[in-house]
């Protein structure tokens, strides 16, 4: 399984999502406020969650390992902080599960 990735901002982000896939990352979620961009993303990435709300990418059930922020630069900070906090918690949880499985717990 590759790095589970979400992409926010599908103007440039759809191009970046394609590049992520080419290097083996799994793009499992995309986000943009613009419906036309989400529609283009659904065509290109039919298995990915498509949403208008970046907060949906924080859902721990998505199990994201990375988030590509291709939205407006001045809007990066809140998304980066929220994504980092969620990813860090999620990664720690997955690490505990792998360790428990390895140790037979």
PDB file of N, CA and C in Angstrom:
ATOM      1  N   UNK A   1       0.847  -1.173   0.000  1.00  0.00           N
ATOM      2  CA  UNK A   1       0.000   0.000   0.000  1.00  0.00           C
ATOM      3  C   UNK A   1       0.890   1.233   0.000  1.00  0.00           C
ATOM      4  N   UNK A   2       0.520   2.220  -0.835  1.00  0.00           N
ATOM      5  CA  UNK A   2       1.274   3.453  -0.922  1.00  0.00           C
ATOM      6  C   UNK A   2       0.892   4.444   0.159  1.00  0.00           C
ATOM      7  N   UNK A   3       1.466   5.607   0.083  1.00  0.00           N
ATOM      8  CA  UNK A   3       1.165   6.686   1.016  1.00  0.00           C
ATOM      9  C   UNK A   3      -0.232   7.203   0.705  1.00  0.00           C
ATOM     10  N   UNK A   4      -1.124   7.131   1.689  1.00  0.00           N
ATOM     11  CA  UNK A   4      -2.510   7.587   1.513  1.00  0.00           C
ATOM     12  C   UNK A   4      -2.525   9.110   1.565  1.00  0.00           C
ATOM     13  N   UNK A   5      -2.932   9.726   0.446  1.00  0.00           N
ATOM     14  CA  UNK A   5      -2.768  11.159   0.256  1.00  0.00           C
ATOM     15  C   UNK A   5      -4.092  11.837  -0.050  1.00  0.00           C
ATOM     16  N   UNK A   6      -4.257  13.039   0.510  1.00  0.00           N
ATOM     17  CA  UNK A   6      -5.370  13.917   0.175  1.00  0.00           C
ATOM     18  C   UNK A   6      -4.816  15.150  -0.511  1.00  0.00           C
ATOM     19  N   UNK A   7      -5.606  15.739  -1.406  1.00  0.00           N
ATOM     20  CA  UNK A   7      -5.184  16.935  -2.134  1.00  0.00           C
ATOM     21  C   UNK A   7      -6.245  18.007  -1.947  1.00  0.00           C
ATOM     22  N   UNK A   8      -5.806  19.192  -1.514  1.00  0.00           N
ATOM     23  CA  UNK A   8      -6.699  20.340  -1.330  1.00  0.00           C
ATOM     24  C   UNK A   8      -6.348  21.386  -2.378  1.00  0.00           C
ATOM     25  N   UNK A   9      -7.346  21.800  -3.146  1.00  0.00           N
ATOM     26  CA  UNK A   9      -7.139  22.782  -4.210  1.00  0.00           C
ATOM     27  C   UNK A   9      -6.852  22.062  -5.511  1.00  0.00           C
ATOM     28  N   UNK A  10      -7.836  22.004  -6.391  1.00  0.00           N
ATOM     29  CA  UNK A  10      -7.724  21.150  -7.566  1.00  0.00           C
ATOM     30  C   UNK A  10      -7.416  21.894  -8.853  1.00  0.00           C
ATOM     31  N   UNK A  11      -7.063  23.174  -8.766  1.00  0.00           N
ATOM     32  CA  UNK A  11      -6.552  23.861  -9.947  1.00  0.00           C
ATOM     33  C   UNK A  11      -5.219  23.220 -10.300  1.00  0.00           C
ATOM     34  N   UNK A  12      -4.213  23.545  -9.556  1.00  0.00           N
ATOM     35  CA  UNK A  12      -2.898  22.912  -9.677  1.00  0.00           C
ATOM     36  C   UNK A  12      -2.900  21.535  -9.019  1.00  0.00           C
ATOM     37  N   UNK A  13      -3.749  21.355  -8.032  1.00  0.00           N
ATOM     38  CA  UNK A  13      -3.763  20.118  -7.260  1.00  0.00           C
ATOM     39  C   UNK A  13      -4.075  18.876  -8.067  1.00  0.00           C
ATOM     40  N   UNK A  14      -4.892  18.980  -9.098  1.00  0.00           N
ATOM     41  CA  UNK A  14      -5.196  17.800  -9.909  1.00  0.00           C
ATOM     42  C   UNK A  14      -3.942  17.342 -10.655  1.00  0.00           C
ATOM     43  N   UNK A  15      -3.146  18.285 -11.134  1.00  0.00           N
ATOM     44  CA  UNK A  15      -1.853  17.966 -11.743  1.00  0.00           C
ATOM     45  C   UNK A  15      -0.948  17.290 -10.717  1.00  0.00           C
ATOM     46  N   UNK A  16      -0.902  17.853  -9.500  1.00  0.00           N
ATOM     47  CA  UNK A  16      -0.056  17.286  -8.448  1.00  0.00           C
ATOM     48  C   UNK A  16      -0.553  15.899  -8.021  1.00  0.00           C
ATOM     49  N   UNK A  17      -1.869  15.702  -8.011  1.00  0.00           N
ATOM     50  CA  UNK A  17      -2.429  14.389  -7.680  1.00  0.00           C
ATOM     51  C   UNK A  17      -1.958  13.345  -8.686  1.00  0.00           C
ATOM     52  N   UNK A  18      -1.934  13.717  -9.947  1.00  0.00           N
ATOM     53  CA  UNK A  18      -1.443  12.795 -10.973  1.00  0.00           C
ATOM     54  C   UNK A  18       0.025  12.459 -10.732  1.00  0.00           C
ATOM     55  N   UNK A  19       0.817  13.446 -10.371  1.00  0.00           N
ATOM     56  CA  UNK A  19       2.241  13.204 -10.090  1.00  0.00           C
ATOM     57  C   UNK A  19       2.407  12.309  -8.857  1.00  0.00           C
ATOM     58  N   UNK A  20       1.571  12.526  -7.860  1.00  0.00           N
ATOM     59  CA  UNK A  20       1.609  11.667  -6.669  1.00  0.00           C
ATOM     60  C   UNK A  20       1.356  10.213  -7.056  1.00  0.00           C
ATOM     61  N   UNK A  21       0.354   9.993  -7.872  1.00  0.00           N
ATOM     62  CA  UNK A  21       0.038   8.627  -8.303  1.00  0.00           C
ATOM     63  C   UNK A  21       1.180   8.014  -9.090  1.00  0.00           C
ATOM     64  N   UNK A  22       1.838   8.808  -9.914  1.00  0.00           N
ATOM     65  CA  UNK A  22       2.935   8.293 -10.745  1.00  0.00           C
ATOM     66  C   UNK A  22       4.113   7.796  -9.906  1.00  0.00           C
ATOM     67  N   UNK A  23       4.266   8.342  -8.701  1.00  0.00           N
ATOM     68  CA  UNK A  23       5.369   7.881  -7.848  1.00  0.00           C
ATOM     69  C   UNK A  23       4.891   6.873  -6.805  1.00  0.00           C
ATOM     70  N   UNK A  24       3.649   6.384  -6.962  1.00  0.00           N
ATOM     71  CA  UNK A  24       3.170   5.304  -6.110  1.00  0.00           C
ATOM     72  C   UNK A  24       2.337   5.712  -4.915  1.00  0.00           C
ATOM     73  N   UNK A  25       1.982   6.979  -4.808  1.00  0.00           N
ATOM     74  CA  UNK A  25       1.122   7.415  -3.700  1.00  0.00           C
ATOM     75  C   UNK A  25      -0.326   7.107  -4.052  1.00  0.00           C
ATOM     76  N   UNK A  26      -1.130   6.794  -3.051  1.00  0.00           N
ATOM     77  CA  UNK A  26      -2.560   6.544  -3.244  1.00  0.00           C
ATOM     78  C   UNK A  26      -3.324   7.822  -2.932  1.00  0.00           C
ATOM     79  N   UNK A  27      -3.867   8.473  -3.951  1.00  0.00           N
ATOM     80  CA  UNK A  27      -4.674   9.676  -3.744  1.00  0.00           C
ATOM     81  C   UNK A  27      -6.085   9.206  -3.423  1.00  0.00           C
ATOM     82  N   UNK A  28      -6.460   9.335  -2.152  1.00  0.00           N
ATOM     83  CA  UNK A  28      -7.734   8.780  -1.685  1.00  0.00           C
ATOM     84  C   UNK A  28      -8.777   9.844  -1.383  1.00  0.00           C
ATOM     85  N   UNK A  29      -8.388  11.129  -1.424  1.00  0.00           N
ATOM     86  CA  UNK A  29      -9.344  12.198  -1.151  1.00  0.00           C
ATOM     87  C   UNK A  29      -8.887  13.477  -1.838  1.00  0.00           C
ATOM     88  N   UNK A  30      -9.864  14.214  -2.377  1.00  0.00           N
ATOM     89  CA  UNK A  30      -9.585  15.499  -3.019  1.00  0.00           C
ATOM     90  C   UNK A  30     -10.612  16.521  -2.552  1.00  0.00           C
ATOM     91  N   UNK A  31     -10.200  17.782  -2.563  1.00  0.00           N
ATOM     92  CA  UNK A  31     -11.072  18.824  -2.041  1.00  0.00           C
ATOM     93  C   UNK A  31     -10.916  20.110  -2.851  1.00  0.00           C
ATOM     94  N   UNK A  32     -12.045  20.707  -3.180  1.00  0.00           N
ATOM     95  CA  UNK A  32     -12.057  22.030  -3.791  1.00  0.00           C
ATOM     96  C   UNK A  32     -13.468  22.598  -3.631  1.00  0.00           C
ATOM     97  N   UNK A  33     -13.570  23.897  -3.477  1.00  0.00           N
ATOM     98  CA  UNK A  33     -14.887  24.529  -3.364  1.00  0.00           C
ATOM     99  C   UNK A  33     -15.609  24.579  -4.700  1.00  0.00           C
ATOM    100  N   UNK A  34     -14.860  24.495  -5.790  1.00  0.00           N
ATOM    101  CA  UNK A  34     -15.420  24.616  -7.130  1.00  0.00           C
ATOM    102  C   UNK A  34     -15.921  23.255  -7.632  1.00  0.00           C
ATOM    103  N   UNK A  35     -17.215  23.175  -7.935  1.00  0.00           N
ATOM    104  CA  UNK A  35     -17.829  21.911  -8.363  1.00  0.00           C
ATOM    105  C   UNK A  35     -17.222  21.395  -9.663  1.00  0.00           C
ATOM    106  N   UNK A  36     -16.911  22.283 -10.606  1.00  0.00           N
ATOM    107  CA  UNK A  36     -16.334  21.845 -11.885  1.00  0.00           C
ATOM    108  C   UNK A  36     -14.977  21.169 -11.661  1.00  0.00           C
ATOM    109  N   UNK A  37     -14.181  21.709 -10.759  1.00  0.00           N
ATOM    110  CA  UNK A  37     -12.881  21.085 -10.461  1.00  0.00           C
ATOM    111  C   UNK A  37     -13.071  19.740  -9.768  1.00  0.00           C
ATOM    112  N   UNK A  38     -14.069  19.660  -8.880  1.00  0.00           N
ATOM    113  CA  UNK A  38     -14.338  18.370  -8.232  1.00  0.00           C
ATOM    114  C   UNK A  38     -14.810  17.346  -9.260  1.00  0.00           C
ATOM    115  N   UNK A  39     -15.614  17.784 -10.214  1.00  0.00           N
ATOM    116  CA  UNK A  39     -16.092  16.873 -11.263  1.00  0.00           C
ATOM    117  C   UNK A  39     -14.920  16.348 -12.091  1.00  0.00           C
ATOM    118  N   UNK A  40     -13.987  17.221 -12.431  1.00  0.00           N
ATOM    119  CA  UNK A  40     -12.799  16.792 -13.177  1.00  0.00           C
ATOM    120  C   UNK A  40     -11.988  15.794 -12.351  1.00  0.00           C
ATOM    121  N   UNK A  41     -11.897  16.039 -11.061  1.00  0.00           N
ATOM    122  CA  UNK A  41     -11.161  15.128 -10.178  1.00  0.00           C
ATOM    123  C   UNK A  41     -11.868  13.778 -10.079  1.00  0.00           C
ATOM    124  N   UNK A  42     -13.196  13.788 -10.027  1.00  0.00           N
ATOM    125  CA  UNK A  42     -13.935  12.516  -9.974  1.00  0.00           C
ATOM    126  C   UNK A  42     -13.691  11.695 -11.237  1.00  0.00           C
ATOM    127  N   UNK A  43     -13.575  12.379 -12.380  1.00  0.00           N
ATOM    128  CA  UNK A  43     -13.270  11.668 -13.626  1.00  0.00           C
ATOM    129  C   UNK A  43     -11.871  11.061 -13.582  1.00  0.00           C
ATOM    130  N   UNK A  44     -10.913  11.828 -13.074  1.00  0.00           N
ATOM    131  CA  UNK A  44      -9.521  11.381 -13.046  1.00  0.00           C
ATOM    132  C   UNK A  44      -9.231  10.400 -11.907  1.00  0.00           C
ATOM    133  N   UNK A  45      -9.959  10.557 -10.799  1.00  0.00           N
ATOM    134  CA  UNK A  45      -9.711   9.759  -9.585  1.00  0.00           C
ATOM    135  C   UNK A  45     -11.041   9.210  -9.059  1.00  0.00           C
ATOM    136  N   UNK A  46     -11.658   8.291  -9.785  1.00  0.00           N
ATOM    137  CA  UNK A  46     -13.016   7.854  -9.433  1.00  0.00           C
ATOM    138  C   UNK A  46     -13.134   7.183  -8.060  1.00  0.00           C
ATOM    139  N   UNK A  47     -12.051   6.650  -7.527  1.00  0.00           N
ATOM    140  CA  UNK A  47     -12.121   5.981  -6.230  1.00  0.00           C
ATOM    141  C   UNK A  47     -11.858   6.914  -5.051  1.00  0.00           C
ATOM    142  N   UNK A  48     -11.480   8.152  -5.338  1.00  0.00           N
ATOM    143  CA  UNK A  48     -11.148   9.101  -4.268  1.00  0.00           C
ATOM    144  C   UNK A  48     -12.412   9.801  -3.756  1.00  0.00           C
ATOM    145  N   UNK A  49     -12.434  10.056  -2.456  1.00  0.00           N
ATOM    146  CA  UNK A  49     -13.474  10.901  -1.874  1.00  0.00           C
ATOM    147  C   UNK A  49     -13.328  12.287  -2.478  1.00  0.00           C
ATOM    148  N   UNK A  50     -14.438  12.883  -2.888  1.00  0.00           N
ATOM    149  CA  UNK A  50     -14.432  14.238  -3.437  1.00  0.00           C
ATOM    150  C   UNK A  50     -15.323  15.101  -2.558  1.00  0.00           C
ATOM    151  N   UNK A  51     -14.787  16.205  -2.074  1.00  0.00           N
ATOM    152  CA  UNK A  51     -15.535  17.036  -1.139  1.00  0.00           C
ATOM    153  C   UNK A  51     -15.234  18.513  -1.346  1.00  0.00           C
ATOM    154  N   UNK A  52     -16.166  19.355  -0.921  1.00  0.00           N
ATOM    155  CA  UNK A  52     -15.958  20.805  -0.961  1.00  0.00           C
ATOM    156  C   UNK A  52     -15.355  21.305   0.354  1.00  0.00           C
ATOM    157  N   UNK A  53     -15.393  20.477   1.383  1.00  0.00           N
ATOM    158  CA  UNK A  53     -14.939  20.900   2.723  1.00  0.00           C
ATOM    159  C   UNK A  53     -13.613  20.236   3.080  1.00  0.00           C
ATOM    160  N   UNK A  54     -12.583  21.039   3.275  1.00  0.00           N
ATOM    161  CA  UNK A  54     -11.273  20.463   3.628  1.00  0.00           C
ATOM    162  C   UNK A  54     -11.328  19.740   4.966  1.00  0.00           C
ATOM    163  N   UNK A  55     -12.248  20.144   5.827  1.00  0.00           N
ATOM    164  CA  UNK A  55     -12.376  19.488   7.124  1.00  0.00           C
ATOM    165  C   UNK A  55     -12.713  18.000   6.983  1.00  0.00           C
ATOM    166  N   UNK A  56     -13.349  17.626   5.867  1.00  0.00           N
ATOM    167  CA  UNK A  56     -13.683  16.214   5.640  1.00  0.00           C
ATOM    168  C   UNK A  56     -12.424  15.351   5.523  1.00  0.00           C
ATOM    169  N   UNK A  57     -11.311  15.950   5.124  1.00  0.00           N
ATOM    170  CA  UNK A  57     -10.065  15.208   4.996  1.00  0.00           C
ATOM    171  C   UNK A  57      -9.445  14.888   6.353  1.00  0.00           C
ATOM    172  N   UNK A  58      -9.965  15.500   7.405  1.00  0.00           N
ATOM    173  CA  UNK A  58      -9.450  15.242   8.750  1.00  0.00           C
ATOM    174  C   UNK A  58     -10.066  13.992   9.378  1.00  0.00           C
ATOM    175  N   UNK A  59     -11.037  13.402   8.718  1.00  0.00           N
ATOM    176  CA  UNK A  59     -11.700  12.210   9.232  1.00  0.00           C
ATOM    177  C   UNK A  59     -10.669  11.095   9.425  1.00  0.00           C
ATOM    178  N   UNK A  60     -10.486  10.615  10.644  1.00  0.00           N
ATOM    179  CA  UNK A  60      -9.475   9.582  10.885  1.00  0.00           C
ATOM    180  C   UNK A  60      -9.733   8.291  10.104  1.00  0.00           C
ATOM    181  N   UNK A  61     -10.982   8.044   9.711  1.00  0.00           N
ATOM    182  CA  UNK A  61     -11.285   6.835   8.937  1.00  0.00           C
ATOM    183  C   UNK A  61     -10.631   6.851   7.550  1.00  0.00           C
ATOM    184  N   UNK A  62     -10.291   8.050   7.049  1.00  0.00           N
ATOM    185  CA  UNK A  62      -9.585   8.129   5.767  1.00  0.00           C
ATOM    186  C   UNK A  62      -8.151   7.616   5.899  1.00  0.00           C
ATOM    187  N   UNK A  63      -7.591   7.753   7.078  1.00  0.00           N
ATOM    188  CA  UNK A  63      -6.240   7.272   7.321  1.00  0.00           C
ATOM    189  C   UNK A  63      -5.184   7.941   6.460  1.00  0.00           C
ATOM    190  N   UNK A  64      -5.315   9.252   6.256  1.00  0.00           N
ATOM    191  CA  UNK A  64      -4.341   9.955   5.419  1.00  0.00           C
ATOM    192  C   UNK A  64      -2.960   9.968   6.058  1.00  0.00           C
ATOM    193  N   UNK A  65      -1.960   9.766   5.216  1.00  0.00           N
ATOM    194  CA  UNK A  65      -0.565   9.877   5.629  1.00  0.00           C
ATOM    195  C   UNK A  65       0.010  11.230   5.226  1.00  0.00           C
ATOM    196  N   UNK A  66      -0.589  11.843   4.201  1.00  0.00           N
ATOM    197  CA  UNK A  66      -0.070  13.114   3.675  1.00  0.00           C
ATOM    198  C   UNK A  66      -1.220  13.920   3.088  1.00  0.00           C
ATOM    199  N   UNK A  67      -1.039  15.241   3.111  1.00  0.00           N
ATOM    200  CA  UNK A  67      -1.991  16.152   2.474  1.00  0.00           C
ATOM    201  C   UNK A  67      -1.194  17.127   1.622  1.00  0.00           C
ATOM    202  N   UNK A  68      -1.567  17.227   0.345  1.00  0.00           N
ATOM    203  CA  UNK A  68      -0.951  18.188  -0.564  1.00  0.00           C
ATOM    204  C   UNK A  68      -1.823  19.438  -0.531  1.00  0.00           C
ATOM    205  N   UNK A  69      -1.221  20.564  -0.141  1.00  0.00           N
ATOM    206  CA  UNK A  69      -1.954  21.833  -0.086  1.00  0.00           C
ATOM    207  C   UNK A  69      -1.657  22.623  -1.348  1.00  0.00           C
ATOM    208  N   UNK A  70      -2.584  22.578  -2.285  1.00  0.00           N
ATOM    209  CA  UNK A  70      -2.445  23.297  -3.547  1.00  0.00           C
ATOM    210  C   UNK A  70      -3.488  24.409  -3.632  1.00  0.00           C
ATOM    211  N   UNK A  71      -4.023  24.773  -2.483  1.00  0.00           N
ATOM    212  CA  UNK A  71      -5.001  25.862  -2.417  1.00  0.00           C
ATOM    213  C   UNK A  71      -4.253  27.193  -2.355  1.00  0.00           C
ATOM    214  N   UNK A  72      -5.007  28.286  -2.201  1.00  0.00           N
ATOM    215  CA  UNK A  72      -4.381  29.609  -2.106  1.00  0.00           C
ATOM    216  C   UNK A  72      -3.390  29.647  -0.952  1.00  0.00           C
ATOM    217  N   UNK A  73      -2.228  30.213  -1.220  1.00  0.00           N
ATOM    218  CA  UNK A  73      -1.147  30.220  -0.243  1.00  0.00           C
ATOM    219  C   UNK A  73      -1.566  30.837   1.088  1.00  0.00           C
ATOM    220  N   UNK A  74      -2.337  31.919   1.031  1.00  0.00           N
ATOM    221  CA  UNK A  74      -2.713  32.597   2.279  1.00  0.00           C
ATOM    222  C   UNK A  74      -3.709  31.798   3.111  1.00  0.00           C
ATOM    223  N   UNK A  75      -4.177  30.678   2.592  1.00  0.00           N
ATOM    224  CA  UNK A  75      -5.092  29.816   3.348  1.00  0.00           C
ATOM    225  C   UNK A  75      -4.422  28.528   3.822  1.00  0.00           C
ATOM    226  N   UNK A  76      -3.123  28.401   3.635  1.00  0.00           N
ATOM    227  CA  UNK A  76      -2.418  27.166   4.001  1.00  0.00           C
ATOM    228  C   UNK A  76      -2.360  26.909   5.506  1.00  0.00           C
ATOM    229  N   UNK A  77      -2.143  27.943   6.294  1.00  0.00           N
ATOM    230  CA  UNK A  77      -1.839  27.741   7.727  1.00  0.00           C
ATOM    231  C   UNK A  77      -2.884  26.906   8.462  1.00  0.00           C
ATOM    232  N   UNK A  78      -4.171  27.269   8.438  1.00  0.00           N
ATOM    233  CA  UNK A  78      -5.132  26.462   9.200  1.00  0.00           C
ATOM    234  C   UNK A  78      -5.207  25.019   8.717  1.00  0.00           C
ATOM    235  N   UNK A  79      -5.114  24.817   7.415  1.00  0.00           N
ATOM    236  CA  UNK A  79      -5.162  23.459   6.873  1.00  0.00           C
ATOM    237  C   UNK A  79      -3.925  22.675   7.272  1.00  0.00           C
ATOM    238  N   UNK A  80      -2.769  23.318   7.207  1.00  0.00           N
ATOM    239  CA  UNK A  80      -1.526  22.636   7.557  1.00  0.00           C
ATOM    240  C   UNK A  80      -1.521  22.226   9.021  1.00  0.00           C
ATOM    241  N   UNK A  81      -1.920  23.132   9.893  1.00  0.00           N
ATOM    242  CA  UNK A  81      -1.929  22.824  11.327  1.00  0.00           C
ATOM    243  C   UNK A  81      -2.919  21.706  11.627  1.00  0.00           C
ATOM    244  N   UNK A  82      -4.119  21.802  11.083  1.00  0.00           N
ATOM    245  CA  UNK A  82      -5.132  20.771  11.320  1.00  0.00           C
ATOM    246  C   UNK A  82      -4.713  19.428  10.736  1.00  0.00           C
ATOM    247  N   UNK A  83      -4.172  19.448   9.532  1.00  0.00           N
ATOM    248  CA  UNK A  83      -3.737  18.208   8.889  1.00  0.00           C
ATOM    249  C   UNK A  83      -2.601  17.574   9.663  1.00  0.00           C
ATOM    250  N   UNK A  84      -1.652  18.382  10.094  1.00  0.00           N
ATOM    251  CA  UNK A  84      -0.511  17.858  10.839  1.00  0.00           C
ATOM    252  C   UNK A  84      -0.971  17.218  12.135  1.00  0.00           C
ATOM    253  N   UNK A  85      -1.845  17.893  12.850  1.00  0.00           N
ATOM    254  CA  UNK A  85      -2.338  17.350  14.116  1.00  0.00           C
ATOM    255  C   UNK A  85      -3.056  16.027  13.901  1.00  0.00           C
ATOM    256  N   UNK A  86      -3.914  15.978  12.911  1.00  0.00           N
ATOM    257  CA  UNK A  86      -4.671  14.758  12.627  1.00  0.00           C
ATOM    258  C   UNK A  86      -3.752  13.656  12.135  1.00  0.00           C
ATOM    259  N   UNK A  87      -2.851  13.970  11.205  1.00  0.00           N
ATOM    260  CA  UNK A  87      -1.947  12.958  10.659  1.00  0.00           C
ATOM    261  C   UNK A  87      -1.034  12.416  11.746  1.00  0.00           C
ATOM    262  N   UNK A  88      -0.545  13.283  12.597  1.00  0.00           N
ATOM    263  CA  UNK A  88       0.353  12.825  13.661  1.00  0.00           C
ATOM    264  C   UNK A  88      -0.367  11.857  14.584  1.00  0.00           C
ATOM    265  N   UNK A  89      -1.597  12.186  14.949  1.00  0.00           N
ATOM    266  CA  UNK A  89      -2.386  11.304  15.819  1.00  0.00           C
ATOM    267  C   UNK A  89      -2.680   9.994  15.108  1.00  0.00           C
ATOM    268  N   UNK A  90      -3.067  10.078  13.850  1.00  0.00           N
ATOM    269  CA  UNK A  90      -3.400   8.889  13.078  1.00  0.00           C
ATOM    270  C   UNK A  90      -2.174   8.001  12.895  1.00  0.00           C
ATOM    271  N   UNK A  91      -1.033   8.595  12.585  1.00  0.00           N
ATOM    272  CA  UNK A  91       0.194   7.808  12.410  1.00  0.00           C
ATOM    273  C   UNK A  91       0.590   7.124  13.704  1.00  0.00           C
ATOM    274  N   UNK A  92       0.465   7.824  14.820  1.00  0.00           N
ATOM    275  CA  UNK A  92       0.800   7.207  16.105  1.00  0.00           C
ATOM    276  C   UNK A  92      -0.124   6.031  16.371  1.00  0.00           C
ATOM    277  N   UNK A  93      -1.412   6.180  16.054  1.00  0.00           N
ATOM    278  CA  UNK A  93      -2.368   5.098  16.284  1.00  0.00           C
ATOM    279  C   UNK A  93      -2.037   3.897  15.415  1.00  0.00           C
ATOM    280  N   UNK A  94      -1.732   4.112  14.138  1.00  0.00           N
ATOM    281  CA  UNK A  94      -1.399   2.995  13.252  1.00  0.00           C
ATOM    282  C   UNK A  94      -0.109   2.318  13.696  1.00  0.00           C
ATOM    283  N   UNK A  95       0.841   3.120  14.174  1.00  0.00           N
ATOM    284  CA  UNK A  95       2.101   2.547  14.642  1.00  0.00           C
ATOM    285  C   UNK A  95       1.840   1.641  15.830  1.00  0.00           C
ATOM    286  N   UNK A  96       0.955   2.053  16.737  1.00  0.00           N
ATOM    287  CA  UNK A  96       0.627   1.217  17.895  1.00  0.00           C
ATOM    288  C   UNK A  96      -0.015  -0.094  17.443  1.00  0.00           C
ATOM    289  N   UNK A  97      -0.922  -0.019  16.466  1.00  0.00           N
ATOM    290  CA  UNK A  97      -1.591  -1.223  15.982  1.00  0.00           C
ATOM    291  C   UNK A  97      -0.570  -2.169  15.360  1.00  0.00           C
ATOM    292  N   UNK A  98       0.342  -1.641  14.524  1.00  0.00           N
ATOM    293  CA  UNK A  98       1.371  -2.495  13.907  1.00  0.00           C
ATOM    294  C   UNK A  98       2.259  -3.126  14.966  1.00  0.00           C
ATOM    295  N   UNK A  99       2.640  -2.340  15.968  1.00  0.00           N
ATOM    296  CA  UNK A  99       3.491  -2.866  17.038  1.00  0.00           C
ATOM    297  C   UNK A  99       2.764  -3.954  17.808  1.00  0.00           C
ATOM    298  N   UNK A 100       1.485  -3.721  18.110  1.00  0.00           N
ATOM    299  CA  UNK A 100       0.712  -4.725  18.831  1.00  0.00           C
ATOM    300  C   UNK A 100       0.596  -6.012  18.024  1.00  0.00           C
ATOM    301  N   UNK A 101       0.362  -5.885  16.752  1.00  0.00           N
ATOM    302  CA  UNK A 101       0.244  -7.077  15.893  1.00  0.00           C
ATOM    303  C   UNK A 101       1.576  -7.808  15.832  1.00  0.00           C
ATOM    304  N   UNK A 102       2.659  -7.060  15.700  1.00  0.00           N
ATOM    305  CA  UNK A 102       3.984  -7.665  15.612  1.00  0.00           C
ATOM    306  C   UNK A 102       4.316  -8.417  16.906  1.00  0.00           C
ATOM    307  N   UNK A 103       3.939  -7.808  18.038  1.00  0.00           N
ATOM    308  CA  UNK A 103       4.254  -8.403  19.344  1.00  0.00           C
ATOM    309  C   UNK A 103       3.218  -9.450  19.775  1.00  0.00           C
ATOM    310  N   UNK A 104       2.175  -9.655  18.950  1.00  0.00           N
ATOM    311  CA  UNK A 104       1.172 -10.656  19.271  1.00  0.00           C
ATOM    312  C   UNK A 104       0.168 -10.230  20.310  1.00  0.00           C
ATOM    313  N   UNK A 105      -0.010  -8.916  20.524  1.00  0.00           N
ATOM    314  CA  UNK A 105      -1.011  -8.411  21.492  1.00  0.00           C
ATOM    315  C   UNK A 105      -2.323  -8.132  20.837  1.00  0.00           C
TER     316      UNK A 105
END
